[in-house]
Amino acid sequence: MAGFMGVILVNLFLDQIDERKTISKTENFLEELLPEFINYSGLPLADLSSPALDPSGVAGGSNVNHADNKFIKNIEKMTVVQKCECSVDAVIETINSCSDTQRQPYKSILFRKYVKRDFDLWIYRDMNLSKSKFRELKREAILQFAKKSLRYREKYSVETMIPKLLVFTHKP
């Protein structure tokens, strides 16, 4: 019974997402705010295109990560540039967490479109997709990004920089 109840709760949560508004809000963030964060952070594009970001945020060592605790204590002391850098890191890690398979090339689409700022035409031709299939996959990628972004806004303590991207039809 408990497993069945979990399925009902997940379905209720997912059914309440207003996909059209979520996609619009997320696209606006990725097209308007992300380039500003990248510019203010001073991070070179080459650093952002690194294919292997450490998902834990700290390479090597034990399974215990104390860097997060130190980071959260110092969030109030961060400059705007540092907050922008953390916001960029949160976005890049969110993109890296998205699916990147033949059927769901979300990570590739998001990275090329919003970080590298490639034209749609270049992306869907390189990926050997039709324009309509590319649009469909881009919409799915943006939705997946919005859903996953909640975790990384909290992980990097950038809730004031990165807005909640999910829009609900009714409050859950």
N, C-alpha and C. Protein backbone atom coordinates (compact mmCIF):
# COMPACT_ATOMS: atom_id res chain seq x y z
N MET A 1 0.82 -1.19 0.00
CA MET A 1 0.00 0.00 0.00
C MET A 1 0.86 1.26 0.00
N ALA A 2 1.97 1.24 0.77
CA ALA A 2 2.84 2.42 0.85
C ALA A 2 3.47 2.72 -0.50
N GLY A 3 3.90 1.69 -1.25
CA GLY A 3 4.48 1.89 -2.57
C GLY A 3 3.48 2.49 -3.53
N PHE A 4 2.23 2.02 -3.46
CA PHE A 4 1.16 2.53 -4.32
C PHE A 4 0.90 3.99 -4.00
N MET A 5 0.93 4.35 -2.73
CA MET A 5 0.69 5.72 -2.30
C MET A 5 1.78 6.64 -2.85
N GLY A 6 3.03 6.18 -2.87
CA GLY A 6 4.13 6.96 -3.42
C GLY A 6 3.93 7.26 -4.89
N VAL A 7 3.40 6.29 -5.64
CA VAL A 7 3.13 6.48 -7.06
C VAL A 7 2.06 7.54 -7.25
N ILE A 8 1.03 7.52 -6.43
CA ILE A 8 -0.04 8.51 -6.51
C ILE A 8 0.51 9.90 -6.23
N LEU A 9 1.34 10.04 -5.19
CA LEU A 9 1.90 11.34 -4.84
C LEU A 9 2.79 11.87 -5.96
N VAL A 10 3.62 11.02 -6.55
CA VAL A 10 4.48 11.44 -7.65
C VAL A 10 3.63 11.88 -8.83
N ASN A 11 2.60 11.13 -9.18
CA ASN A 11 1.73 11.49 -10.30
C ASN A 11 1.02 12.81 -10.04
N LEU A 12 0.55 13.03 -8.81
CA LEU A 12 -0.10 14.29 -8.49
C LEU A 12 0.85 15.46 -8.65
N PHE A 13 2.09 15.28 -8.20
CA PHE A 13 3.09 16.33 -8.30
C PHE A 13 3.39 16.65 -9.77
N LEU A 14 3.60 15.63 -10.58
CA LEU A 14 3.95 15.84 -11.98
C LEU A 14 2.78 16.40 -12.78
N ASP A 15 1.55 15.98 -12.46
CA ASP A 15 0.38 16.46 -13.19
C ASP A 15 0.14 17.96 -12.95
N GLN A 16 0.69 18.50 -11.89
CA GLN A 16 0.42 19.89 -11.55
C GLN A 16 1.42 20.86 -12.17
N ILE A 17 2.41 20.38 -12.88
CA ILE A 17 3.38 21.27 -13.52
C ILE A 17 2.74 21.87 -14.78
N ASP A 18 2.76 23.18 -14.87
CA ASP A 18 2.30 23.87 -16.07
C ASP A 18 3.49 23.89 -17.02
N GLU A 19 3.51 22.96 -17.96
CA GLU A 19 4.66 22.78 -18.84
C GLU A 19 4.94 24.02 -19.68
N ARG A 20 3.90 24.62 -20.24
CA ARG A 20 4.09 25.78 -21.11
C ARG A 20 4.74 26.93 -20.34
N LYS A 21 4.23 27.23 -19.16
CA LYS A 21 4.78 28.33 -18.36
C LYS A 21 6.17 27.99 -17.82
N THR A 22 6.38 26.73 -17.45
CA THR A 22 7.69 26.31 -16.96
C THR A 22 8.73 26.44 -18.06
N ILE A 23 8.40 26.00 -19.26
CA ILE A 23 9.33 26.11 -20.38
C ILE A 23 9.64 27.57 -20.68
N SER A 24 8.63 28.40 -20.69
CA SER A 24 8.82 29.82 -20.97
C SER A 24 9.73 30.47 -19.91
N LYS A 25 9.47 30.20 -18.66
CA LYS A 25 10.26 30.77 -17.56
C LYS A 25 11.70 30.28 -17.60
N THR A 26 11.87 28.99 -17.89
CA THR A 26 13.21 28.40 -17.93
C THR A 26 14.00 28.92 -19.13
N GLU A 27 13.35 29.01 -20.29
CA GLU A 27 14.03 29.56 -21.47
C GLU A 27 14.45 31.01 -21.22
N ASN A 28 13.59 31.78 -20.59
CA ASN A 28 13.93 33.16 -20.28
C ASN A 28 15.16 33.22 -19.38
N PHE A 29 15.19 32.37 -18.36
CA PHE A 29 16.35 32.32 -17.47
C PHE A 29 17.61 31.96 -18.25
N LEU A 30 17.54 30.89 -19.05
CA LEU A 30 18.73 30.41 -19.76
C LEU A 30 19.20 31.38 -20.84
N GLU A 31 18.28 32.10 -21.47
CA GLU A 31 18.65 33.02 -22.54
C GLU A 31 19.05 34.40 -22.02
N GLU A 32 18.44 34.86 -20.93
CA GLU A 32 18.68 36.22 -20.45
C GLU A 32 19.63 36.29 -19.26
N LEU A 33 19.38 35.50 -18.22
CA LEU A 33 20.18 35.61 -17.00
C LEU A 33 21.49 34.82 -17.06
N LEU A 34 21.46 33.61 -17.62
CA LEU A 34 22.68 32.80 -17.64
C LEU A 34 23.85 33.52 -18.33
N PRO A 35 23.65 34.15 -19.51
CA PRO A 35 24.79 34.87 -20.11
C PRO A 35 25.33 35.98 -19.21
N GLU A 36 24.46 36.63 -18.46
CA GLU A 36 24.91 37.67 -17.53
C GLU A 36 25.73 37.06 -16.40
N PHE A 37 25.28 35.93 -15.86
CA PHE A 37 26.04 35.24 -14.82
C PHE A 37 27.42 34.85 -15.35
N ILE A 38 27.47 34.33 -16.56
CA ILE A 38 28.75 33.93 -17.15
C ILE A 38 29.65 35.14 -17.31
N ASN A 39 29.11 36.24 -17.80
CA ASN A 39 29.92 37.46 -17.97
C ASN A 39 30.44 37.98 -16.64
N TYR A 40 29.57 38.09 -15.63
CA TYR A 40 30.00 38.62 -14.34
C TYR A 40 30.97 37.69 -13.62
N SER A 41 30.80 36.38 -13.82
CA SER A 41 31.67 35.42 -13.14
C SER A 41 33.10 35.49 -13.65
N GLY A 42 33.26 35.90 -14.90
CA GLY A 42 34.59 35.96 -15.50
C GLY A 42 35.13 34.60 -15.90
N LEU A 43 34.30 33.59 -15.82
CA LEU A 43 34.74 32.24 -16.19
C LEU A 43 34.87 32.13 -17.71
N PRO A 44 36.02 31.66 -18.18
CA PRO A 44 36.17 31.45 -19.63
C PRO A 44 35.26 30.32 -20.10
N LEU A 45 34.76 30.45 -21.32
CA LEU A 45 33.88 29.43 -21.89
C LEU A 45 34.56 28.07 -21.91
N ALA A 46 35.87 28.04 -22.08
CA ALA A 46 36.60 26.76 -22.10
C ALA A 46 36.45 26.03 -20.77
N ASP A 47 36.40 26.79 -19.66
CA ASP A 47 36.21 26.16 -18.35
C ASP A 47 34.83 25.55 -18.22
N LEU A 48 33.84 26.18 -18.87
CA LEU A 48 32.47 25.70 -18.77
C LEU A 48 32.24 24.47 -19.62
N SER A 49 33.07 24.29 -20.64
CA SER A 49 32.86 23.16 -21.54
C SER A 49 33.57 21.90 -21.07
N SER A 50 34.13 21.95 -19.88
CA SER A 50 34.80 20.77 -19.34
C SER A 50 33.81 19.63 -19.23
N PRO A 51 34.08 18.50 -19.92
CA PRO A 51 33.11 17.40 -19.94
C PRO A 51 32.98 16.65 -18.63
N ALA A 52 33.95 16.78 -17.74
CA ALA A 52 33.92 15.97 -16.53
C ALA A 52 33.96 16.84 -15.29
N LEU A 53 32.82 17.40 -14.91
CA LEU A 53 32.75 18.07 -13.63
C LEU A 53 32.55 17.01 -12.56
N ASP A 54 33.24 17.16 -11.45
CA ASP A 54 33.08 16.22 -10.35
C ASP A 54 31.72 16.43 -9.72
N PRO A 55 30.81 15.43 -9.77
CA PRO A 55 29.46 15.63 -9.27
C PRO A 55 29.38 15.95 -7.78
N SER A 56 30.38 15.55 -7.01
CA SER A 56 30.35 15.83 -5.58
C SER A 56 30.82 17.23 -5.26
N GLY A 57 31.51 17.86 -6.21
CA GLY A 57 32.02 19.19 -5.97
C GLY A 57 33.42 19.20 -5.39
N VAL A 58 33.88 18.05 -4.93
CA VAL A 58 35.22 17.94 -4.36
C VAL A 58 35.84 16.65 -4.89
N ALA A 59 36.96 16.76 -5.55
CA ALA A 59 37.61 15.58 -6.13
C ALA A 59 38.39 14.81 -5.08
N GLY A 60 38.35 13.49 -5.22
CA GLY A 60 39.15 12.61 -4.38
C GLY A 60 38.73 12.61 -2.93
N GLY A 61 39.57 11.96 -2.08
CA GLY A 61 39.32 11.98 -0.65
C GLY A 61 38.28 10.97 -0.21
N SER A 62 37.78 11.18 0.99
CA SER A 62 36.81 10.26 1.55
C SER A 62 35.41 10.56 1.04
N ASN A 63 34.46 9.77 1.48
CA ASN A 63 33.07 9.97 1.08
C ASN A 63 32.42 11.13 1.81
N VAL A 64 33.06 11.67 2.82
CA VAL A 64 32.51 12.76 3.59
C VAL A 64 32.99 14.07 2.98
N ASN A 65 32.06 14.95 2.70
CA ASN A 65 32.39 16.22 2.06
C ASN A 65 32.08 17.36 3.03
N HIS A 66 33.13 17.95 3.60
CA HIS A 66 32.94 19.04 4.55
C HIS A 66 33.00 20.40 3.86
N ALA A 67 33.34 20.42 2.60
CA ALA A 67 33.43 21.69 1.86
C ALA A 67 32.07 22.38 1.80
N ASP A 68 30.98 21.61 1.68
CA ASP A 68 29.65 22.19 1.63
C ASP A 68 29.34 23.00 2.89
N ASN A 69 29.73 22.46 4.05
CA ASN A 69 29.46 23.16 5.30
C ASN A 69 30.21 24.49 5.36
N LYS A 70 31.48 24.49 4.95
CA LYS A 70 32.26 25.73 4.94
C LYS A 70 31.66 26.72 3.96
N PHE A 71 31.24 26.21 2.81
CA PHE A 71 30.68 27.06 1.76
C PHE A 71 29.41 27.75 2.25
N ILE A 72 28.51 27.01 2.85
CA ILE A 72 27.25 27.58 3.30
C ILE A 72 27.47 28.63 4.39
N LYS A 73 28.44 28.42 5.26
CA LYS A 73 28.71 29.40 6.31
C LYS A 73 29.21 30.72 5.73
N ASN A 74 29.87 30.68 4.58
CA ASN A 74 30.46 31.88 4.00
C ASN A 74 29.62 32.50 2.89
N ILE A 75 28.42 32.00 2.65
CA ILE A 75 27.61 32.50 1.54
C ILE A 75 27.28 33.98 1.70
N GLU A 76 27.08 34.43 2.93
CA GLU A 76 26.75 35.83 3.16
C GLU A 76 27.90 36.76 2.80
N LYS A 77 29.12 36.25 2.86
CA LYS A 77 30.31 37.06 2.61
C LYS A 77 30.69 37.08 1.13
N MET A 78 29.97 36.36 0.30
CA MET A 78 30.33 36.26 -1.10
C MET A 78 30.05 37.56 -1.85
N THR A 79 30.92 37.87 -2.78
CA THR A 79 30.71 39.03 -3.64
C THR A 79 29.73 38.65 -4.74
N VAL A 80 29.27 39.64 -5.50
CA VAL A 80 28.37 39.38 -6.62
C VAL A 80 29.06 38.46 -7.63
N VAL A 81 30.34 38.70 -7.87
CA VAL A 81 31.08 37.86 -8.82
C VAL A 81 31.10 36.42 -8.35
N GLN A 82 31.35 36.20 -7.08
CA GLN A 82 31.38 34.85 -6.53
C GLN A 82 29.99 34.19 -6.60
N LYS A 83 28.95 34.97 -6.33
CA LYS A 83 27.59 34.42 -6.43
C LYS A 83 27.27 34.05 -7.87
N CYS A 84 27.72 34.86 -8.81
CA CYS A 84 27.51 34.55 -10.23
C CYS A 84 28.27 33.28 -10.62
N GLU A 85 29.49 33.15 -10.12
CA GLU A 85 30.28 31.95 -10.40
C GLU A 85 29.59 30.70 -9.84
N CYS A 86 29.07 30.79 -8.62
CA CYS A 86 28.35 29.66 -8.03
C CYS A 86 27.08 29.37 -8.82
N SER A 87 26.41 30.41 -9.31
CA SER A 87 25.21 30.21 -10.12
C SER A 87 25.54 29.49 -11.42
N VAL A 88 26.64 29.89 -12.05
CA VAL A 88 27.09 29.22 -13.28
C VAL A 88 27.41 27.76 -12.98
N ASP A 89 28.12 27.52 -11.88
CA ASP A 89 28.44 26.13 -11.49
C ASP A 89 27.17 25.31 -11.29
N ALA A 90 26.16 25.91 -10.65
CA ALA A 90 24.90 25.22 -10.42
C ALA A 90 24.21 24.87 -11.74
N VAL A 91 24.22 25.82 -12.68
CA VAL A 91 23.59 25.58 -13.98
C VAL A 91 24.34 24.50 -14.75
N ILE A 92 25.67 24.57 -14.76
CA ILE A 92 26.47 23.58 -15.49
C ILE A 92 26.26 22.20 -14.89
N GLU A 93 26.23 22.10 -13.57
CA GLU A 93 26.02 20.79 -12.94
C GLU A 93 24.60 20.29 -13.21
N THR A 94 23.63 21.19 -13.26
CA THR A 94 22.26 20.79 -13.60
C THR A 94 22.22 20.24 -15.03
N ILE A 95 22.84 20.95 -15.95
CA ILE A 95 22.90 20.47 -17.34
C ILE A 95 23.59 19.12 -17.41
N ASN A 96 24.71 18.98 -16.70
CA ASN A 96 25.46 17.71 -16.72
C ASN A 96 24.65 16.56 -16.14
N SER A 97 23.67 16.86 -15.29
CA SER A 97 22.86 15.80 -14.69
C SER A 97 21.71 15.36 -15.60
N CYS A 98 21.47 16.09 -16.67
CA CYS A 98 20.38 15.76 -17.60
C CYS A 98 20.77 14.57 -18.48
N SER A 99 19.76 13.89 -18.98
CA SER A 99 19.97 12.73 -19.83
C SER A 99 20.77 13.10 -21.07
N ASP A 100 21.61 12.18 -21.51
CA ASP A 100 22.38 12.41 -22.73
C ASP A 100 22.53 11.08 -23.47
N THR A 101 21.40 10.60 -23.97
CA THR A 101 21.38 9.36 -24.73
C THR A 101 20.95 9.66 -26.16
N GLN A 102 20.95 8.65 -27.00
CA GLN A 102 20.52 8.83 -28.38
C GLN A 102 19.07 9.32 -28.46
N ARG A 103 18.22 8.78 -27.60
CA ARG A 103 16.81 9.18 -27.60
C ARG A 103 16.53 10.45 -26.81
N GLN A 104 17.37 10.73 -25.85
CA GLN A 104 17.18 11.90 -24.99
C GLN A 104 18.50 12.68 -24.87
N PRO A 105 18.91 13.36 -25.93
CA PRO A 105 20.19 14.10 -25.90
C PRO A 105 20.06 15.47 -25.23
N TYR A 106 19.41 15.50 -24.07
CA TYR A 106 19.08 16.75 -23.41
C TYR A 106 20.31 17.54 -23.00
N LYS A 107 21.29 16.86 -22.42
CA LYS A 107 22.51 17.54 -21.98
C LYS A 107 23.19 18.23 -23.16
N SER A 108 23.33 17.53 -24.27
CA SER A 108 23.98 18.10 -25.45
C SER A 108 23.22 19.30 -25.99
N ILE A 109 21.91 19.18 -26.06
CA ILE A 109 21.09 20.29 -26.57
C ILE A 109 21.21 21.50 -25.66
N LEU A 110 21.06 21.31 -24.36
CA LEU A 110 21.11 22.43 -23.41
C LEU A 110 22.48 23.11 -23.42
N PHE A 111 23.53 22.31 -23.44
CA PHE A 111 24.87 22.88 -23.41
C PHE A 111 25.15 23.70 -24.67
N ARG A 112 24.85 23.11 -25.81
CA ARG A 112 25.13 23.82 -27.06
C ARG A 112 24.26 25.06 -27.23
N LYS A 113 23.01 24.96 -26.85
CA LYS A 113 22.07 26.07 -27.04
C LYS A 113 22.32 27.21 -26.06
N TYR A 114 22.50 26.90 -24.79
CA TYR A 114 22.49 27.95 -23.78
C TYR A 114 23.86 28.30 -23.20
N VAL A 115 24.84 27.42 -23.32
CA VAL A 115 26.18 27.74 -22.84
C VAL A 115 27.07 28.17 -24.01
N LYS A 116 27.13 27.34 -25.04
CA LYS A 116 27.93 27.69 -26.21
C LYS A 116 27.23 28.72 -27.10
N ARG A 117 25.90 28.83 -26.95
CA ARG A 117 25.08 29.80 -27.69
C ARG A 117 25.08 29.51 -29.20
N ASP A 118 25.08 28.22 -29.55
CA ASP A 118 24.98 27.81 -30.96
C ASP A 118 23.57 28.06 -31.47
N PHE A 119 23.46 28.25 -32.76
CA PHE A 119 22.16 28.40 -33.41
C PHE A 119 21.45 27.05 -33.46
N ASP A 120 20.11 27.07 -33.36
CA ASP A 120 19.32 25.84 -33.44
C ASP A 120 19.66 25.05 -34.69
N LEU A 121 19.76 25.73 -35.82
CA LEU A 121 20.04 25.09 -37.10
C LEU A 121 21.32 24.26 -37.04
N TRP A 122 22.36 24.83 -36.46
CA TRP A 122 23.63 24.11 -36.35
C TRP A 122 23.46 22.86 -35.47
N ILE A 123 22.73 23.04 -34.39
CA ILE A 123 22.58 21.92 -33.43
C ILE A 123 21.82 20.77 -34.07
N TYR A 124 20.64 21.05 -34.63
CA TYR A 124 19.86 19.93 -35.14
C TYR A 124 20.47 19.32 -36.39
N ARG A 125 21.21 20.08 -37.17
CA ARG A 125 21.92 19.47 -38.31
C ARG A 125 23.05 18.58 -37.83
N ASP A 126 23.84 19.06 -36.87
CA ASP A 126 24.94 18.26 -36.32
C ASP A 126 24.43 16.98 -35.67
N MET A 127 23.23 17.06 -35.08
CA MET A 127 22.67 15.90 -34.38
C MET A 127 21.83 15.03 -35.32
N ASN A 128 21.75 15.45 -36.59
CA ASN A 128 20.99 14.70 -37.59
C ASN A 128 19.52 14.55 -37.19
N LEU A 129 18.92 15.68 -36.77
CA LEU A 129 17.52 15.71 -36.36
C LEU A 129 16.73 16.61 -37.28
N SER A 130 15.45 16.33 -37.41
CA SER A 130 14.58 17.26 -38.12
C SER A 130 14.33 18.46 -37.22
N LYS A 131 13.89 19.54 -37.80
CA LYS A 131 13.60 20.75 -37.03
C LYS A 131 12.51 20.48 -35.98
N SER A 132 11.47 19.76 -36.38
CA SER A 132 10.37 19.47 -35.45
C SER A 132 10.81 18.54 -34.32
N LYS A 133 11.63 17.54 -34.64
CA LYS A 133 12.12 16.63 -33.60
C LYS A 133 13.03 17.38 -32.64
N PHE A 134 13.85 18.28 -33.17
CA PHE A 134 14.73 19.08 -32.33
C PHE A 134 13.91 19.95 -31.37
N ARG A 135 12.87 20.59 -31.87
CA ARG A 135 12.01 21.42 -31.00
C ARG A 135 11.39 20.60 -29.89
N GLU A 136 10.92 19.40 -30.23
CA GLU A 136 10.33 18.51 -29.23
C GLU A 136 11.35 18.14 -28.16
N LEU A 137 12.55 17.75 -28.59
CA LEU A 137 13.59 17.35 -27.65
C LEU A 137 14.07 18.54 -26.81
N LYS A 138 14.12 19.71 -27.41
CA LYS A 138 14.53 20.90 -26.66
C LYS A 138 13.51 21.21 -25.57
N ARG A 139 12.23 21.10 -25.87
CA ARG A 139 11.19 21.32 -24.86
C ARG A 139 11.34 20.31 -23.71
N GLU A 140 11.56 19.05 -24.05
CA GLU A 140 11.75 18.01 -23.03
C GLU A 140 13.00 18.30 -22.20
N ALA A 141 14.07 18.74 -22.86
CA ALA A 141 15.32 19.05 -22.17
C ALA A 141 15.12 20.20 -21.19
N ILE A 142 14.41 21.22 -21.62
CA ILE A 142 14.16 22.38 -20.76
C ILE A 142 13.33 21.97 -19.54
N LEU A 143 12.34 21.12 -19.75
CA LEU A 143 11.54 20.64 -18.61
C LEU A 143 12.39 19.83 -17.63
N GLN A 144 13.24 18.96 -18.17
CA GLN A 144 14.09 18.17 -17.29
C GLN A 144 15.05 19.08 -16.52
N PHE A 145 15.59 20.08 -17.20
CA PHE A 145 16.47 21.04 -16.54
C PHE A 145 15.73 21.74 -15.40
N ALA A 146 14.53 22.20 -15.66
CA ALA A 146 13.75 22.92 -14.63
C ALA A 146 13.51 22.04 -13.41
N LYS A 147 13.18 20.78 -13.64
CA LYS A 147 12.92 19.86 -12.52
C LYS A 147 14.19 19.61 -11.71
N LYS A 148 15.31 19.43 -12.39
CA LYS A 148 16.56 19.13 -11.70
C LYS A 148 17.19 20.37 -11.05
N SER A 149 16.82 21.55 -11.54
CA SER A 149 17.45 22.78 -11.04
C SER A 149 17.19 23.02 -9.56
N LEU A 150 16.09 22.55 -9.03
CA LEU A 150 15.78 22.75 -7.61
C LEU A 150 16.90 22.23 -6.72
N ARG A 151 17.40 21.05 -7.06
CA ARG A 151 18.45 20.44 -6.24
C ARG A 151 19.73 21.27 -6.26
N TYR A 152 20.12 21.73 -7.43
CA TYR A 152 21.40 22.41 -7.56
C TYR A 152 21.36 23.87 -7.09
N ARG A 153 20.20 24.52 -7.11
CA ARG A 153 20.09 25.86 -6.53
C ARG A 153 20.35 25.76 -5.03
N GLU A 154 19.83 24.69 -4.41
CA GLU A 154 20.04 24.50 -2.98
C GLU A 154 21.47 24.07 -2.69
N LYS A 155 22.00 23.15 -3.48
CA LYS A 155 23.36 22.65 -3.26
C LYS A 155 24.38 23.79 -3.28
N TYR A 156 24.22 24.73 -4.21
CA TYR A 156 25.16 25.84 -4.34
C TYR A 156 24.70 27.09 -3.59
N SER A 157 23.60 26.99 -2.85
CA SER A 157 23.06 28.11 -2.06
C SER A 157 22.88 29.37 -2.90
N VAL A 158 22.27 29.19 -4.07
CA VAL A 158 22.04 30.34 -4.97
C VAL A 158 20.55 30.55 -5.22
N GLU A 159 19.75 30.30 -4.20
CA GLU A 159 18.31 30.46 -4.33
C GLU A 159 17.93 31.90 -4.65
N THR A 160 18.73 32.86 -4.20
CA THR A 160 18.42 34.26 -4.49
C THR A 160 18.85 34.66 -5.90
N MET A 161 19.73 33.87 -6.50
CA MET A 161 20.23 34.19 -7.85
C MET A 161 19.44 33.45 -8.93
N ILE A 162 19.14 32.20 -8.68
CA ILE A 162 18.44 31.37 -9.66
C ILE A 162 17.01 31.18 -9.17
N PRO A 163 16.03 31.66 -9.92
CA PRO A 163 14.64 31.54 -9.48
C PRO A 163 14.15 30.08 -9.56
N LYS A 164 13.08 29.79 -8.83
CA LYS A 164 12.42 28.50 -9.01
C LYS A 164 11.83 28.52 -10.41
N LEU A 165 12.15 27.51 -11.18
CA LEU A 165 11.76 27.49 -12.58
C LEU A 165 10.46 26.74 -12.84
N LEU A 166 10.09 25.84 -11.94
CA LEU A 166 8.86 25.08 -12.12
C LEU A 166 7.66 25.97 -11.81
N VAL A 167 6.67 25.92 -12.70
CA VAL A 167 5.42 26.65 -12.48
C VAL A 167 4.32 25.61 -12.37
N PHE A 168 3.52 25.70 -11.31
CA PHE A 168 2.47 24.72 -11.06
C PHE A 168 1.10 25.30 -11.40
N THR A 169 0.20 24.40 -11.88
CA THR A 169 -1.16 24.84 -12.16
C THR A 169 -1.89 25.11 -10.86
N HIS A 170 -1.64 24.29 -9.86
CA HIS A 170 -2.17 24.47 -8.51
C HIS A 170 -1.03 24.20 -7.57
N LYS A 171 -0.97 24.91 -6.47
CA LYS A 171 0.11 24.69 -5.51
C LYS A 171 0.03 23.26 -4.98
N PRO A 172 1.19 22.55 -5.01
CA PRO A 172 1.20 21.16 -4.51
C PRO A 172 1.06 21.10 -3.00
